[in-house]
Amino acid sequence: MNKSKSQILKQNWITEKSTALANFGKYVFLVDKKANKPETAKLIEEIYKVKVKDINMINTKSKTRRLGRSVGRVPGFKKAIVTLKEGHKIDAMPA
């Protein structure tokens, strides 16, 4: 893919659960729908200067929601849960 770094790696995913996972060396990022594991790992290693051990991708489909008569869609998204090797951590997570 010929996309820039900001197009593939969109933002950090900061929730209570993702903050708890950071204690185990796992960090959650929102990524592009077409991003794959190898390019995401390479990009995270390049940006944060860490070594990636494993990546799990979660693809959430868009959903239809209604409010009265009006029907709308909640957009889908893709998350990457990145596990770092021992001794590595990302300091600037809450962004």
Protein backbone atom coordinates (compact mmCIF):
# COMPACT_ATOMS: atom_id res chain seq x y z
CA MET A 1 0.00 0.00 0.00
CA ASN A 2 1.25 3.46 -0.81
CA LYS A 3 -0.37 5.32 2.04
CA SER A 4 1.24 7.72 4.47
CA LYS A 5 1.82 6.83 8.12
CA SER A 6 -1.07 8.98 9.33
CA GLN A 7 -3.47 7.30 6.90
CA ILE A 8 -2.66 3.77 8.13
CA LEU A 9 -2.22 4.48 11.85
CA LYS A 10 -5.08 6.83 12.72
CA GLN A 11 -4.96 7.26 16.51
CA ASN A 12 -4.50 5.63 19.89
CA TRP A 13 -7.55 3.89 21.30
CA ILE A 14 -7.82 5.10 24.91
CA THR A 15 -10.39 3.29 27.05
CA GLU A 16 -10.34 1.73 30.49
CA LYS A 17 -9.70 -1.68 28.99
CA SER A 18 -6.91 -0.52 26.69
CA THR A 19 -5.24 1.31 29.59
CA ALA A 20 -5.37 -1.90 31.64
CA LEU A 21 -3.85 -3.83 28.71
CA ALA A 22 -0.91 -1.39 28.67
CA ASN A 23 0.23 -2.94 31.96
CA PHE A 24 0.75 -6.21 30.07
CA GLY A 25 2.66 -4.58 27.20
CA LYS A 26 -0.35 -4.42 24.87
CA TYR A 27 -1.39 -1.18 23.16
CA VAL A 28 -4.49 -0.52 21.05
CA PHE A 29 -4.53 1.64 17.91
CA LEU A 30 -7.25 2.59 15.46
CA VAL A 31 -6.01 1.70 11.96
CA ASP A 32 -7.20 1.97 8.37
CA LYS A 33 -9.76 -0.62 7.19
CA LYS A 34 -7.30 -1.96 4.59
CA ALA A 35 -4.26 -2.11 6.90
CA ASN A 36 -2.66 -5.50 7.45
CA LYS A 37 -0.54 -6.95 10.26
CA PRO A 38 2.96 -6.70 8.71
CA GLU A 39 2.66 -3.09 7.59
CA THR A 40 1.10 -2.07 10.92
CA ALA A 41 3.92 -3.77 12.86
CA LYS A 42 6.57 -2.12 10.69
CA LEU A 43 4.96 1.28 11.11
CA ILE A 44 4.69 1.01 14.91
CA GLU A 45 8.31 -0.11 15.18
CA GLU A 46 9.35 2.83 13.00
CA ILE A 47 7.31 5.51 14.81
CA TYR A 48 7.72 4.42 18.46
CA LYS A 49 11.19 2.75 18.20
CA VAL A 50 10.02 -0.49 19.85
CA LYS A 51 9.99 -4.19 18.87
CA VAL A 52 6.60 -5.75 18.12
CA LYS A 53 6.01 -9.33 19.24
CA ASP A 54 2.46 -9.88 17.95
CA ILE A 55 -0.53 -8.05 16.50
CA ASN A 56 -4.22 -8.94 16.73
CA MET A 57 -6.61 -7.16 14.37
CA ILE A 58 -10.27 -6.55 15.20
CA ASN A 59 -12.56 -5.52 12.35
CA THR A 60 -15.85 -4.06 13.62
CA LYS A 61 -18.59 -3.88 11.00
CA SER A 62 -20.84 -0.85 10.61
CA LYS A 63 -24.30 -1.11 12.18
CA THR A 64 -27.73 0.28 11.40
CA ARG A 65 -29.34 2.34 14.18
CA ARG A 66 -32.77 3.93 14.38
CA LEU A 67 -34.20 6.81 16.32
CA GLY A 68 -37.92 7.01 15.69
CA ARG A 69 -38.50 6.98 11.96
CA SER A 70 -35.01 8.03 10.95
CA VAL A 71 -32.50 5.32 10.15
CA GLY A 72 -28.76 5.87 10.21
CA ARG A 73 -25.50 3.98 10.26
CA VAL A 74 -22.77 3.84 12.84
CA PRO A 75 -19.48 3.57 10.94
CA GLY A 76 -17.30 0.49 11.33
CA PHE A 77 -13.63 0.60 12.29
CA LYS A 78 -10.56 -1.58 12.63
CA LYS A 79 -8.36 -1.85 15.73
CA ALA A 80 -4.89 -3.30 16.14
CA ILE A 81 -3.87 -4.71 19.53
CA VAL A 82 -0.08 -4.59 19.50
CA THR A 83 1.92 -6.76 21.92
CA LEU A 84 5.46 -5.53 22.47
CA LYS A 85 8.51 -7.63 23.29
CA GLU A 86 9.81 -7.78 26.90
CA GLY A 87 11.45 -4.57 28.04
CA HIS A 88 9.75 -2.34 25.44
CA LYS A 89 6.97 0.13 26.17
CA ILE A 90 5.31 3.14 24.62
CA ASP A 91 5.47 6.15 26.93
CA ALA A 92 3.39 8.74 25.08
CA MET A 93 0.15 6.73 24.88
CA PRO A 94 -2.51 9.16 26.18
CA ALA A 95 -2.60 11.54 23.22
